[in-house]
Amino acid sequence: MSDGVERWVFGYGSLMWRPGFSFVERTAATLHGRRRAFCIYSVHHRGTYERPGLVLGLAPGGAVRGMAYRVAEADWPAVYDYLREREQPTETYVEARRFVRLATGRRVECLVFLSDAERPQWAGALSLERQADLITGAVGLSGPNEDYLRDLVAHLRQEGIVDRSMERLLALVEGRLGA
């Protein structure tokens, strides 16, 4: 039974181009008060305990452009379960509801997964140089960390999003790799 509430999900990383769930609407959106950042140590997917890499999180401050997905009420339970499994395997993120501004100007409340500064995986506000050091050469179950960064920047560009800090970080990493 519907409660009349629209169900929205906000993605700022791979959820933008690989949501993995059914949706009825996809639109550009901006979340204020958080920014896209490599602020989470990765010891499985993009690094190891001996050589951690970094993955994206939503760190406090700024604003982030991403995608909002409206999910049909009938699909919501399955989508919600999928997202909890995808985004919470190590409980690195905090599930929250935040308002985003859609490209149309409309504000909607979205499910979003925020970085949790209380978790041991929280890397915090690292300099771009330190981020590049950690990303360069780190490899985990999902492959090289620099591939994750390249993929992110390529997809952001495809969406018309210029994230200057991600562009600078990629340039630093590629410089270290001699690319």
N, C-alpha and C. Protein backbone atom coordinates (compact mmCIF):
# COMPACT_ATOMS: atom_id res chain seq x y z
N MET A 1 0.84 -1.18 0.00
CA MET A 1 0.00 0.00 0.00
C MET A 1 0.89 1.25 0.00
N SER A 2 0.56 2.19 -0.81
CA SER A 2 1.34 3.41 -0.94
C SER A 2 1.02 4.39 0.18
N ASP A 3 2.07 5.05 0.68
CA ASP A 3 1.85 6.08 1.70
C ASP A 3 1.87 7.48 1.07
N GLY A 4 1.94 7.52 -0.28
CA GLY A 4 1.92 8.78 -1.00
C GLY A 4 3.25 9.51 -1.04
N VAL A 5 4.29 8.93 -0.44
CA VAL A 5 5.60 9.55 -0.42
C VAL A 5 6.41 9.04 -1.61
N GLU A 6 7.03 9.97 -2.32
CA GLU A 6 7.91 9.56 -3.41
C GLU A 6 9.21 9.01 -2.83
N ARG A 7 9.75 8.00 -3.47
CA ARG A 7 11.00 7.36 -3.04
C ARG A 7 12.11 7.77 -4.00
N TRP A 8 13.09 8.48 -3.46
CA TRP A 8 14.22 8.95 -4.26
C TRP A 8 15.53 8.44 -3.66
N VAL A 9 16.50 8.24 -4.52
CA VAL A 9 17.85 7.83 -4.14
C VAL A 9 18.83 8.79 -4.80
N PHE A 10 19.83 9.26 -4.05
CA PHE A 10 20.86 10.15 -4.60
C PHE A 10 22.16 9.37 -4.77
N GLY A 11 22.76 9.49 -5.95
CA GLY A 11 24.05 8.87 -6.23
C GLY A 11 25.07 9.91 -6.64
N TYR A 12 26.29 9.78 -6.16
CA TYR A 12 27.35 10.74 -6.45
C TYR A 12 28.59 10.07 -7.03
N GLY A 13 28.60 8.74 -7.04
CA GLY A 13 29.71 7.97 -7.58
C GLY A 13 29.16 6.95 -8.55
N SER A 14 29.51 5.69 -8.36
CA SER A 14 29.09 4.65 -9.30
C SER A 14 27.58 4.49 -9.41
N LEU A 15 26.83 4.90 -8.41
CA LEU A 15 25.37 4.86 -8.54
C LEU A 15 24.88 5.76 -9.68
N MET A 16 25.70 6.73 -10.08
CA MET A 16 25.30 7.62 -11.16
C MET A 16 25.23 6.87 -12.50
N TRP A 17 26.15 5.98 -12.75
CA TRP A 17 26.20 5.31 -14.04
C TRP A 17 25.92 3.81 -13.96
N ARG A 18 25.90 3.28 -12.76
CA ARG A 18 25.63 1.86 -12.57
C ARG A 18 24.74 1.68 -11.34
N PRO A 19 23.49 2.16 -11.44
CA PRO A 19 22.64 2.10 -10.26
C PRO A 19 22.31 0.67 -9.84
N GLY A 20 22.06 -0.21 -10.79
CA GLY A 20 21.79 -1.61 -10.44
C GLY A 20 20.39 -1.87 -9.92
N PHE A 21 19.48 -0.92 -10.09
CA PHE A 21 18.10 -1.09 -9.62
C PHE A 21 17.14 -0.43 -10.61
N SER A 22 15.89 -0.81 -10.53
CA SER A 22 14.86 -0.24 -11.38
C SER A 22 14.46 1.14 -10.87
N PHE A 23 14.20 2.05 -11.79
CA PHE A 23 13.74 3.39 -11.43
C PHE A 23 12.81 3.90 -12.51
N VAL A 24 12.00 4.87 -12.15
CA VAL A 24 11.05 5.45 -13.11
C VAL A 24 11.50 6.81 -13.60
N GLU A 25 12.46 7.41 -12.91
CA GLU A 25 12.97 8.72 -13.32
C GLU A 25 14.40 8.86 -12.85
N ARG A 26 15.22 9.47 -13.70
CA ARG A 26 16.63 9.75 -13.39
C ARG A 26 16.88 11.19 -13.82
N THR A 27 17.40 12.00 -12.89
CA THR A 27 17.63 13.40 -13.20
C THR A 27 18.84 13.93 -12.42
N ALA A 28 19.52 14.91 -13.00
CA ALA A 28 20.63 15.55 -12.32
C ALA A 28 20.12 16.22 -11.04
N ALA A 29 20.96 16.20 -10.01
CA ALA A 29 20.58 16.78 -8.73
C ALA A 29 21.82 17.27 -8.00
N THR A 30 21.61 18.20 -7.07
CA THR A 30 22.71 18.73 -6.26
C THR A 30 22.35 18.59 -4.79
N LEU A 31 23.30 18.05 -4.05
CA LEU A 31 23.19 17.93 -2.59
C LEU A 31 24.10 18.98 -1.97
N HIS A 32 23.54 19.85 -1.16
CA HIS A 32 24.32 20.89 -0.49
C HIS A 32 24.74 20.41 0.89
N GLY A 33 25.93 20.85 1.31
CA GLY A 33 26.44 20.50 2.63
C GLY A 33 27.37 19.30 2.64
N ARG A 34 27.53 18.67 1.49
CA ARG A 34 28.45 17.53 1.35
C ARG A 34 29.19 17.67 0.04
N ARG A 35 30.36 17.04 -0.02
CA ARG A 35 31.15 17.07 -1.25
C ARG A 35 31.68 15.67 -1.55
N ARG A 36 31.88 15.40 -2.82
CA ARG A 36 32.46 14.13 -3.27
C ARG A 36 33.93 14.15 -2.88
N ALA A 37 34.39 13.09 -2.21
CA ALA A 37 35.78 13.06 -1.75
C ALA A 37 36.28 11.62 -1.63
N PHE A 38 37.55 11.45 -1.87
CA PHE A 38 38.20 10.17 -1.58
C PHE A 38 38.58 10.23 -0.11
N CYS A 39 37.65 9.83 0.75
CA CYS A 39 37.82 9.98 2.20
C CYS A 39 37.61 8.68 2.95
N ILE A 40 37.53 7.56 2.23
CA ILE A 40 37.31 6.25 2.83
C ILE A 40 38.46 5.32 2.45
N TYR A 41 39.15 4.77 3.45
CA TYR A 41 40.19 3.78 3.16
C TYR A 41 39.53 2.51 2.61
N SER A 42 40.12 1.96 1.57
CA SER A 42 39.62 0.71 1.00
C SER A 42 40.66 -0.38 1.22
N VAL A 43 40.25 -1.41 1.95
CA VAL A 43 41.16 -2.52 2.23
C VAL A 43 40.68 -3.81 1.58
N HIS A 44 39.63 -3.72 0.79
CA HIS A 44 39.12 -4.89 0.07
C HIS A 44 39.05 -4.62 -1.42
N HIS A 45 38.13 -3.73 -1.83
CA HIS A 45 37.86 -3.53 -3.26
C HIS A 45 38.96 -2.80 -4.00
N ARG A 46 39.61 -1.82 -3.40
CA ARG A 46 40.62 -1.04 -4.11
C ARG A 46 41.95 -0.95 -3.35
N GLY A 47 42.15 -1.86 -2.42
CA GLY A 47 43.39 -1.90 -1.67
C GLY A 47 43.39 -3.10 -0.75
N THR A 48 44.38 -3.17 0.10
CA THR A 48 44.50 -4.26 1.08
C THR A 48 44.83 -3.65 2.44
N TYR A 49 44.81 -4.48 3.46
CA TYR A 49 45.20 -3.97 4.78
C TYR A 49 46.65 -3.50 4.76
N GLU A 50 47.49 -4.20 4.01
CA GLU A 50 48.91 -3.83 3.93
C GLU A 50 49.11 -2.58 3.08
N ARG A 51 48.26 -2.40 2.08
CA ARG A 51 48.39 -1.27 1.15
C ARG A 51 47.00 -0.73 0.82
N PRO A 52 46.42 0.05 1.76
CA PRO A 52 45.06 0.55 1.53
C PRO A 52 45.00 1.53 0.36
N GLY A 53 43.86 1.51 -0.30
CA GLY A 53 43.55 2.50 -1.32
C GLY A 53 42.49 3.43 -0.76
N LEU A 54 41.85 4.17 -1.63
CA LEU A 54 40.79 5.09 -1.23
C LEU A 54 39.58 4.93 -2.14
N VAL A 55 38.40 5.10 -1.56
CA VAL A 55 37.16 5.15 -2.34
C VAL A 55 36.38 6.39 -1.94
N LEU A 56 35.35 6.65 -2.73
CA LEU A 56 34.55 7.86 -2.53
C LEU A 56 33.65 7.79 -1.31
N GLY A 57 33.43 8.97 -0.78
CA GLY A 57 32.43 9.17 0.24
C GLY A 57 31.90 10.58 0.09
N LEU A 58 30.92 10.90 0.88
CA LEU A 58 30.40 12.26 0.94
C LEU A 58 30.91 12.90 2.22
N ALA A 59 31.91 13.73 2.06
CA ALA A 59 32.52 14.40 3.21
C ALA A 59 31.76 15.70 3.49
N PRO A 60 31.81 16.17 4.72
CA PRO A 60 31.13 17.42 5.06
C PRO A 60 31.67 18.61 4.27
N GLY A 61 30.77 19.54 3.96
CA GLY A 61 31.15 20.79 3.31
C GLY A 61 30.87 20.80 1.82
N GLY A 62 30.65 21.99 1.30
CA GLY A 62 30.49 22.17 -0.13
C GLY A 62 29.16 21.71 -0.67
N ALA A 63 29.19 21.29 -1.93
CA ALA A 63 28.01 20.77 -2.62
C ALA A 63 28.49 19.75 -3.64
N VAL A 64 27.62 18.82 -3.97
CA VAL A 64 28.00 17.78 -4.92
C VAL A 64 26.88 17.59 -5.93
N ARG A 65 27.28 17.55 -7.20
CA ARG A 65 26.33 17.23 -8.27
C ARG A 65 26.34 15.74 -8.48
N GLY A 66 25.16 15.19 -8.62
CA GLY A 66 25.02 13.76 -8.86
C GLY A 66 23.73 13.47 -9.58
N MET A 67 23.17 12.28 -9.34
CA MET A 67 21.92 11.87 -9.96
C MET A 67 20.92 11.46 -8.89
N ALA A 68 19.68 11.83 -9.13
CA ALA A 68 18.59 11.39 -8.27
C ALA A 68 17.71 10.45 -9.08
N TYR A 69 17.30 9.38 -8.42
CA TYR A 69 16.46 8.35 -9.05
C TYR A 69 15.15 8.25 -8.27
N ARG A 70 14.06 8.36 -9.01
CA ARG A 70 12.76 8.12 -8.39
C ARG A 70 12.39 6.66 -8.62
N VAL A 71 12.06 6.00 -7.54
CA VAL A 71 11.79 4.56 -7.55
C VAL A 71 10.30 4.34 -7.34
N ALA A 72 9.73 3.44 -8.13
CA ALA A 72 8.31 3.11 -7.99
C ALA A 72 8.07 2.51 -6.61
N GLU A 73 6.95 2.87 -6.03
CA GLU A 73 6.59 2.38 -4.69
C GLU A 73 6.66 0.85 -4.63
N ALA A 74 6.17 0.18 -5.66
CA ALA A 74 6.17 -1.29 -5.66
C ALA A 74 7.57 -1.87 -5.65
N ASP A 75 8.55 -1.13 -6.23
CA ASP A 75 9.93 -1.59 -6.30
C ASP A 75 10.75 -1.21 -5.08
N TRP A 76 10.24 -0.28 -4.27
CA TRP A 76 11.03 0.28 -3.19
C TRP A 76 11.62 -0.76 -2.22
N PRO A 77 10.85 -1.71 -1.72
CA PRO A 77 11.45 -2.66 -0.77
C PRO A 77 12.67 -3.40 -1.34
N ALA A 78 12.59 -3.85 -2.58
CA ALA A 78 13.72 -4.57 -3.20
C ALA A 78 14.89 -3.62 -3.45
N VAL A 79 14.60 -2.41 -3.90
CA VAL A 79 15.66 -1.42 -4.16
C VAL A 79 16.36 -1.05 -2.85
N TYR A 80 15.58 -0.82 -1.83
CA TYR A 80 16.13 -0.46 -0.53
C TYR A 80 17.04 -1.59 0.00
N ASP A 81 16.57 -2.83 -0.07
CA ASP A 81 17.39 -3.96 0.37
C ASP A 81 18.68 -4.06 -0.44
N TYR A 82 18.57 -3.88 -1.76
CA TYR A 82 19.75 -3.92 -2.63
C TYR A 82 20.76 -2.84 -2.24
N LEU A 83 20.27 -1.62 -2.03
CA LEU A 83 21.18 -0.52 -1.69
C LEU A 83 21.85 -0.72 -0.34
N ARG A 84 21.11 -1.24 0.62
CA ARG A 84 21.73 -1.51 1.93
C ARG A 84 22.83 -2.55 1.80
N GLU A 85 22.60 -3.57 1.00
CA GLU A 85 23.63 -4.60 0.79
C GLU A 85 24.83 -4.03 0.03
N ARG A 86 24.56 -3.22 -0.98
CA ARG A 86 25.63 -2.65 -1.81
C ARG A 86 26.45 -1.62 -1.05
N GLU A 87 25.79 -0.74 -0.33
CA GLU A 87 26.46 0.39 0.30
C GLU A 87 26.89 0.16 1.74
N GLN A 88 26.39 -0.89 2.37
CA GLN A 88 26.65 -1.08 3.79
C GLN A 88 27.36 -2.39 4.15
N PRO A 89 28.15 -3.00 3.27
CA PRO A 89 28.72 -4.29 3.67
C PRO A 89 29.65 -4.19 4.88
N THR A 90 30.32 -3.06 5.04
CA THR A 90 31.21 -2.89 6.19
C THR A 90 30.71 -1.76 7.10
N GLU A 91 29.49 -1.31 6.87
CA GLU A 91 28.91 -0.22 7.66
C GLU A 91 29.81 1.01 7.71
N THR A 92 30.44 1.30 6.57
CA THR A 92 31.31 2.46 6.44
C THR A 92 30.51 3.75 6.28
N TYR A 93 29.29 3.61 5.79
CA TYR A 93 28.45 4.77 5.49
C TYR A 93 27.26 4.82 6.44
N VAL A 94 26.71 6.01 6.59
CA VAL A 94 25.53 6.22 7.40
C VAL A 94 24.37 6.49 6.45
N GLU A 95 23.34 5.71 6.60
CA GLU A 95 22.13 5.91 5.81
C GLU A 95 21.42 7.16 6.33
N ALA A 96 21.04 8.05 5.41
CA ALA A 96 20.40 9.29 5.81
C ALA A 96 19.37 9.72 4.76
N ARG A 97 18.55 10.66 5.15
CA ARG A 97 17.60 11.31 4.23
C ARG A 97 18.03 12.77 4.16
N ARG A 98 18.24 13.24 2.93
CA ARG A 98 18.64 14.62 2.72
C ARG A 98 17.87 15.19 1.53
N PHE A 99 17.62 16.48 1.58
CA PHE A 99 16.99 17.14 0.45
C PHE A 99 18.03 17.48 -0.60
N VAL A 100 17.68 17.24 -1.84
CA VAL A 100 18.52 17.62 -2.99
C VAL A 100 17.69 18.52 -3.88
N ARG A 101 18.39 19.29 -4.69
CA ARG A 101 17.72 20.14 -5.67
C ARG A 101 17.88 19.47 -7.03
N LEU A 102 16.74 19.13 -7.64
CA LEU A 102 16.74 18.53 -8.97
C LEU A 102 17.08 19.59 -10.02
N ALA A 103 17.47 19.15 -11.21
CA ALA A 103 17.80 20.06 -12.29
C ALA A 103 16.62 20.97 -12.63
N THR A 104 15.41 20.53 -12.36
CA THR A 104 14.21 21.32 -12.61
C THR A 104 14.00 22.43 -11.58
N GLY A 105 14.77 22.39 -10.49
CA GLY A 105 14.62 23.34 -9.40
C GLY A 105 13.82 22.80 -8.23
N ARG A 106 13.14 21.71 -8.46
CA ARG A 106 12.34 21.08 -7.41
C ARG A 106 13.25 20.46 -6.35
N ARG A 107 12.80 20.55 -5.08
CA ARG A 107 13.54 19.90 -3.98
C ARG A 107 12.82 18.61 -3.61
N VAL A 108 13.60 17.53 -3.47
CA VAL A 108 13.03 16.25 -3.04
C VAL A 108 13.93 15.65 -1.98
N GLU A 109 13.34 14.84 -1.13
CA GLU A 109 14.10 14.13 -0.11
C GLU A 109 14.58 12.81 -0.68
N CYS A 110 15.87 12.53 -0.49
CA CYS A 110 16.49 11.32 -1.04
C CYS A 110 17.13 10.47 0.05
N LEU A 111 17.16 9.19 -0.23
CA LEU A 111 18.02 8.29 0.54
C LEU A 111 19.44 8.53 0.04
N VAL A 112 20.36 8.73 0.96
CA VAL A 112 21.75 8.97 0.60
C VAL A 112 22.62 8.29 1.66
N PHE A 113 23.79 7.85 1.22
CA PHE A 113 24.72 7.20 2.14
C PHE A 113 25.90 8.14 2.37
N LEU A 114 26.00 8.65 3.61
CA LEU A 114 27.02 9.61 3.99
C LEU A 114 28.22 8.90 4.60
N SER A 115 29.38 9.50 4.48
CA SER A 115 30.58 8.96 5.12
C SER A 115 30.44 9.07 6.63
N ASP A 116 30.92 8.05 7.32
CA ASP A 116 30.83 8.02 8.78
C ASP A 116 32.22 8.23 9.38
N ALA A 117 32.44 9.42 9.91
CA ALA A 117 33.75 9.77 10.48
C ALA A 117 34.10 8.95 11.71
N GLU A 118 33.15 8.22 12.25
CA GLU A 118 33.40 7.40 13.44
C GLU A 118 33.95 6.01 13.09
N ARG A 119 33.96 5.66 11.83
CA ARG A 119 34.41 4.33 11.41
C ARG A 119 35.91 4.32 11.17
N PRO A 120 36.56 3.18 11.38
CA PRO A 120 38.01 3.12 11.17
C PRO A 120 38.41 3.34 9.70
N GLN A 121 37.48 3.14 8.76
CA GLN A 121 37.81 3.35 7.35
C GLN A 121 37.83 4.83 6.97
N TRP A 122 37.35 5.69 7.85
CA TRP A 122 37.32 7.13 7.56
C TRP A 122 38.74 7.65 7.45
N ALA A 123 39.08 8.21 6.30
CA ALA A 123 40.41 8.77 6.08
C ALA A 123 40.44 10.27 6.37
N GLY A 124 39.29 10.90 6.32
CA GLY A 124 39.22 12.32 6.63
C GLY A 124 39.64 13.20 5.47
N ALA A 125 39.98 14.42 5.80
CA ALA A 125 40.35 15.44 4.81
C ALA A 125 41.83 15.32 4.48
N LEU A 126 42.14 14.50 3.50
CA LEU A 126 43.52 14.31 3.06
C LEU A 126 43.86 15.31 1.96
N SER A 127 45.10 15.73 1.92
CA SER A 127 45.53 16.60 0.82
C SER A 127 45.43 15.81 -0.49
N LEU A 128 45.34 16.52 -1.62
CA LEU A 128 45.31 15.83 -2.91
C LEU A 128 46.57 14.99 -3.11
N GLU A 129 47.70 15.49 -2.63
CA GLU A 129 48.96 14.74 -2.76
C GLU A 129 48.90 13.42 -2.00
N ARG A 130 48.34 13.45 -0.79
CA ARG A 130 48.22 12.23 0.02
C ARG A 130 47.22 11.27 -0.63
N GLN A 131 46.13 11.81 -1.15
CA GLN A 131 45.17 10.97 -1.85
C GLN A 131 45.84 10.27 -3.04
N ALA A 132 46.61 11.03 -3.80
CA ALA A 132 47.30 10.46 -4.96
C ALA A 132 48.29 9.38 -4.53
N ASP A 133 48.99 9.61 -3.42
CA ASP A 133 49.92 8.60 -2.90
C ASP A 133 49.19 7.29 -2.59
N LEU A 134 48.03 7.40 -1.94
CA LEU A 134 47.29 6.20 -1.55
C LEU A 134 46.66 5.49 -2.75
N ILE A 135 46.16 6.26 -3.71
CA ILE A 135 45.50 5.67 -4.87
C ILE A 135 46.49 5.01 -5.81
N THR A 136 47.63 5.66 -6.05
CA THR A 136 48.61 5.16 -7.01
C THR A 136 49.18 3.82 -6.53
N GLY A 137 48.96 2.80 -7.32
CA GLY A 137 49.52 1.48 -7.04
C GLY A 137 48.70 0.60 -6.12
N ALA A 138 47.65 1.12 -5.51
CA ALA A 138 46.81 0.28 -4.65
C ALA A 138 45.93 -0.62 -5.53
N VAL A 139 45.83 -1.89 -5.14
CA VAL A 139 45.03 -2.86 -5.91
C VAL A 139 44.26 -3.72 -4.92
N GLY A 140 42.98 -3.91 -5.20
CA GLY A 140 42.13 -4.76 -4.37
C GLY A 140 41.35 -5.74 -5.21
N LEU A 141 40.33 -6.34 -4.62
CA LEU A 141 39.52 -7.35 -5.30
C LEU A 141 38.86 -6.83 -6.57
N SER A 142 38.56 -5.54 -6.61
CA SER A 142 37.90 -4.95 -7.79
C SER A 142 38.88 -4.31 -8.76
N GLY A 143 40.18 -4.47 -8.50
CA GLY A 143 41.17 -3.96 -9.43
C GLY A 143 41.94 -2.77 -8.90
N PRO A 144 42.76 -2.17 -9.79
CA PRO A 144 43.59 -1.03 -9.40
C PRO A 144 42.77 0.18 -8.98
N ASN A 145 43.23 0.84 -7.95
CA ASN A 145 42.54 2.02 -7.42
C ASN A 145 42.51 3.14 -8.46
N GLU A 146 43.60 3.28 -9.23
CA GLU A 146 43.60 4.35 -10.22
C GLU A 146 42.54 4.13 -11.31
N ASP A 147 42.18 2.87 -11.58
CA ASP A 147 41.10 2.60 -12.55
C ASP A 147 39.77 3.13 -12.04
N TYR A 148 39.54 3.01 -10.74
CA TYR A 148 38.32 3.52 -10.11
C TYR A 148 38.25 5.04 -10.28
N LEU A 149 39.36 5.72 -10.06
CA LEU A 149 39.41 7.17 -10.23
C LEU A 149 39.20 7.56 -11.69
N ARG A 150 39.88 6.87 -12.61
CA ARG A 150 39.70 7.16 -14.05
C ARG A 150 38.25 6.98 -14.48
N ASP A 151 37.65 5.87 -14.02
CA ASP A 151 36.27 5.57 -14.35
C ASP A 151 35.35 6.67 -13.84
N LEU A 152 35.58 7.09 -12.61
CA LEU A 152 34.78 8.17 -12.02
C LEU A 152 34.86 9.43 -12.87
N VAL A 153 36.07 9.89 -13.16
CA VAL A 153 36.24 11.14 -13.90
C VAL A 153 35.63 11.03 -15.30
N ALA A 154 35.82 9.89 -15.97
CA ALA A 154 35.24 9.69 -17.30
C ALA A 154 33.72 9.78 -17.25
N HIS A 155 33.11 9.13 -16.27
CA HIS A 155 31.64 9.17 -16.17
C HIS A 155 31.13 10.55 -15.77
N LEU A 156 31.85 11.23 -14.89
CA LEU A 156 31.45 12.60 -14.55
C LEU A 156 31.47 13.47 -15.80
N ARG A 157 32.52 13.34 -16.61
CA ARG A 157 32.60 14.12 -17.85
C ARG A 157 31.44 13.80 -18.77
N GLN A 158 31.09 12.51 -18.89
CA GLN A 158 29.97 12.12 -19.75
C GLN A 158 28.67 12.77 -19.29
N GLU A 159 28.53 12.98 -17.99
CA GLU A 159 27.33 13.60 -17.44
C GLU A 159 27.41 15.13 -17.48
N GLY A 160 28.52 15.67 -17.99
CA GLY A 160 28.69 17.11 -18.05
C GLY A 160 29.07 17.73 -16.72
N ILE A 161 29.59 16.92 -15.81
CA ILE A 161 30.00 17.40 -14.48
C ILE A 161 31.50 17.58 -14.47
N VAL A 162 31.93 18.78 -14.18
CA VAL A 162 33.35 19.05 -14.02
C VAL A 162 33.62 19.15 -12.53
N ASP A 163 34.31 18.16 -11.99
CA ASP A 163 34.68 18.16 -10.58
C ASP A 163 36.18 18.45 -10.54
N ARG A 164 36.50 19.69 -10.29
CA ARG A 164 37.90 20.13 -10.39
C ARG A 164 38.83 19.35 -9.48
N SER A 165 38.39 19.02 -8.28
CA SER A 165 39.28 18.29 -7.38
C SER A 165 39.54 16.88 -7.91
N MET A 166 38.53 16.24 -8.50
CA MET A 166 38.74 14.89 -9.07
C MET A 166 39.63 14.97 -10.30
N GLU A 167 39.48 16.02 -11.10
CA GLU A 167 40.34 16.22 -12.28
C GLU A 167 41.79 16.42 -11.84
N ARG A 168 42.01 17.26 -10.82
CA ARG A 168 43.38 17.49 -10.33
C ARG A 168 43.96 16.22 -9.73
N LEU A 169 43.14 15.47 -9.00
CA LEU A 169 43.61 14.22 -8.40
C LEU A 169 44.02 13.23 -9.50
N LEU A 170 43.21 13.11 -10.53
CA LEU A 170 43.56 12.22 -11.63
C LEU A 170 44.86 12.64 -12.30
N ALA A 171 45.06 13.92 -12.50
CA ALA A 171 46.31 14.41 -13.10
C ALA A 171 47.51 14.05 -12.22
N LEU A 172 47.37 14.19 -10.90
CA LEU A 172 48.45 13.82 -9.99
C LEU A 172 48.77 12.32 -10.07
N VAL A 173 47.72 11.50 -10.06
CA VAL A 173 47.90 10.04 -10.11
C VAL A 173 48.55 9.66 -11.43
N GLU A 174 48.05 10.19 -12.53
CA GLU A 174 48.62 9.84 -13.84
C GLU A 174 50.06 10.31 -13.94
N GLY A 175 50.39 11.45 -13.33
CA GLY A 175 51.77 11.92 -13.29
C GLY A 175 52.68 10.94 -12.56
N ARG A 176 52.19 10.38 -11.46
CA ARG A 176 52.96 9.40 -10.69
C ARG A 176 53.13 8.09 -11.47
N LEU A 177 52.14 7.77 -12.29
CA LEU A 177 52.18 6.53 -13.08
C LEU A 177 52.94 6.73 -14.40
N GLY A 178 53.25 7.98 -14.73
CA GLY A 178 53.91 8.26 -15.98
C GLY A 178 52.97 8.13 -17.18
N ALA A 179 51.67 8.25 -16.91
CA ALA A 179 50.67 8.10 -17.99
C ALA A 179 50.57 9.35 -18.83
